[in-house]
C-alpha atoms as a PDB file:
ATOM      1  CA  MET A   1      80.068  99.747 140.559  1.00  0.00           C
ATOM      2  CA  GLY A   2      77.371  99.110 138.012  1.00  0.00           C
ATOM      3  CA  SER A   3      77.556  95.596 135.607  1.00  0.00           C
ATOM      4  CA  ASN A   4      79.058  95.557 132.854  1.00  0.00           C
ATOM      5  CA  PRO A   5      77.916  97.250 129.870  1.00  0.00           C
ATOM      6  CA  THR A   6      76.900  94.247 126.893  1.00  0.00           C
ATOM      7  CA  ILE A   7      78.768  94.920 123.935  1.00  0.00           C
ATOM      8  CA  HIS A   8      77.818  93.271 120.479  1.00  0.00           C
ATOM      9  CA  ALA A   9      79.989  92.512 117.139  1.00  0.00           C
ATOM     10  CA  GLY A  10      78.648  93.024 114.444  1.00  0.00           C
ATOM     11  CA  GLY A  11      80.812  90.934 112.553  1.00  0.00           C
ATOM     12  CA  GLY A  12      78.777  88.645 110.786  1.00  0.00           C
ATOM     13  CA  ARG A  13      77.265  88.252 107.698  1.00  0.00           C
ATOM     14  CA  ASP A  14      73.447  88.650 106.458  1.00  0.00           C
ATOM     15  CA  HIS A  15      72.056  86.225 104.572  1.00  0.00           C
ATOM     16  CA  GLY A  16      69.762  88.263 102.237  1.00  0.00           C
ATOM     17  CA  ASP A  17      69.514  88.378  98.803  1.00  0.00           C
ATOM     18  CA  ASP A  18      70.798  92.312  98.306  1.00  0.00           C
ATOM     19  CA  ASP A  19      74.190  91.064  99.998  1.00  0.00           C
ATOM     20  CA  THR A  20      75.175  88.438  96.943  1.00  0.00           C
ATOM     21  CA  VAL A  21      74.285  90.679  94.385  1.00  0.00           C
ATOM     22  CA  ASP A  22      76.270  93.477  95.703  1.00  0.00           C
ATOM     23  CA  GLN A  23      79.442  92.043  96.572  1.00  0.00           C
ATOM     24  CA  GLY A  24      81.449  91.882  93.147  1.00  0.00           C
ATOM     25  CA  VAL A  25      80.148  95.002  92.189  1.00  0.00           C
ATOM     26  CA  GLY A  26      82.971  96.883  94.502  1.00  0.00           C
ATOM     27  CA  GLN A  27      85.933  95.053  93.077  1.00  0.00           C
ATOM     28  CA  SER A  28      84.828  96.349  89.536  1.00  0.00           C
ATOM     29  CA  LEU A  29      84.599 100.074  90.585  1.00  0.00           C
ATOM     30  CA  ILE A  30      88.053  99.608  92.234  1.00  0.00           C
ATOM     31  CA  ASP A  31      90.681 102.950  90.173  1.00  0.00           C
ATOM     32  CA  THR A  32      93.727 101.927  89.941  1.00  0.00           C
ATOM     33  CA  HIS A  33      94.943 104.989  87.964  1.00  0.00           C
ATOM     34  CA  GLY A  34      97.337 105.471  90.988  1.00  0.00           C
ATOM     35  CA  THR A  35      98.499 102.293  90.854  1.00  0.00           C
ATOM     36  CA  ASP A  36      99.225 102.376  87.115  1.00  0.00           C
ATOM     37  CA  ASP A  37     100.803 105.489  87.821  1.00  0.00           C
ATOM     38  CA  LEU A  38     103.787 104.151  90.137  1.00  0.00           C
ATOM     39  CA  LEU A  39     104.337 101.385  88.360  1.00  0.00           C
ATOM     40  CA  ASP A  40     104.960 103.316  85.172  1.00  0.00           C
ATOM     41  CA  GLU A  41     107.217 105.331  87.446  1.00  0.00           C
ATOM     42  CA  ILE A  42     109.188 102.096  88.537  1.00  0.00           C
ATOM     43  CA  ASP A  43     109.389 101.099  84.974  1.00  0.00           C
ATOM     44  CA  GLY A  44     111.422 104.813  84.788  1.00  0.00           C
ATOM     45  CA  LEU A  45     113.455 104.592  87.430  1.00  0.00           C
ATOM     46  CA  LEU A  46     114.804 100.927  85.894  1.00  0.00           C
ATOM     47  CA  GLU A  47     115.067 101.759  82.470  1.00  0.00           C
ATOM     48  CA  SER A  48     117.595 104.616  83.738  1.00  0.00           C
ATOM     49  CA  ASN A  49     119.522 103.273  87.085  1.00  0.00           C
ATOM     50  CA  ALA A  50     118.757  99.142  86.154  1.00  0.00           C
ATOM     51  CA  GLU A  51     122.799  98.729  87.414  1.00  0.00           C
ATOM     52  CA  GLU A  52     122.582 101.007  90.712  1.00  0.00           C
ATOM     53  CA  PHE A  53     119.119  99.286  91.549  1.00  0.00           C
ATOM     54  CA  VAL A  54     120.202  95.721  91.112  1.00  0.00           C
ATOM     55  CA  ARG A  55     123.761  96.822  93.267  1.00  0.00           C
ATOM     56  CA  SER A  56     121.833  97.758  96.349  1.00  0.00           C
ATOM     57  CA  TYR A  57     120.049  94.998  95.863  1.00  0.00           C
ATOM     58  CA  VAL A  58     122.983  92.597  95.279  1.00  0.00           C
ATOM     59  CA  GLN A  59     123.693  90.686  99.204  1.00  0.00           C
ATOM     60  CA  LYS A  60     127.362  91.687 100.608  1.00  0.00           C
ATOM     61  CA  GLY A  61     129.206  88.550 101.315  1.00  0.00           C
ATOM     62  CA  GLY A  62     128.543  86.702  98.513  1.00  0.00           C
ATOM     63  CA  GLN A  63     124.906  85.556 100.288  1.00  0.00           C
END
């Protein structure tokens, strides 16, 4: 049997100047159109079926 291979996990941060500059840029580029569409759909369902929506979440037995 041979020796076990050495595995190096690359989870550490590099302390270079480039990393700190690029770190916040990705957050401003997130596309939220899908989330906005989903929230609009939920709002539409609540407007038309609000009573049914609330009844489905009322716990049985007064709990």
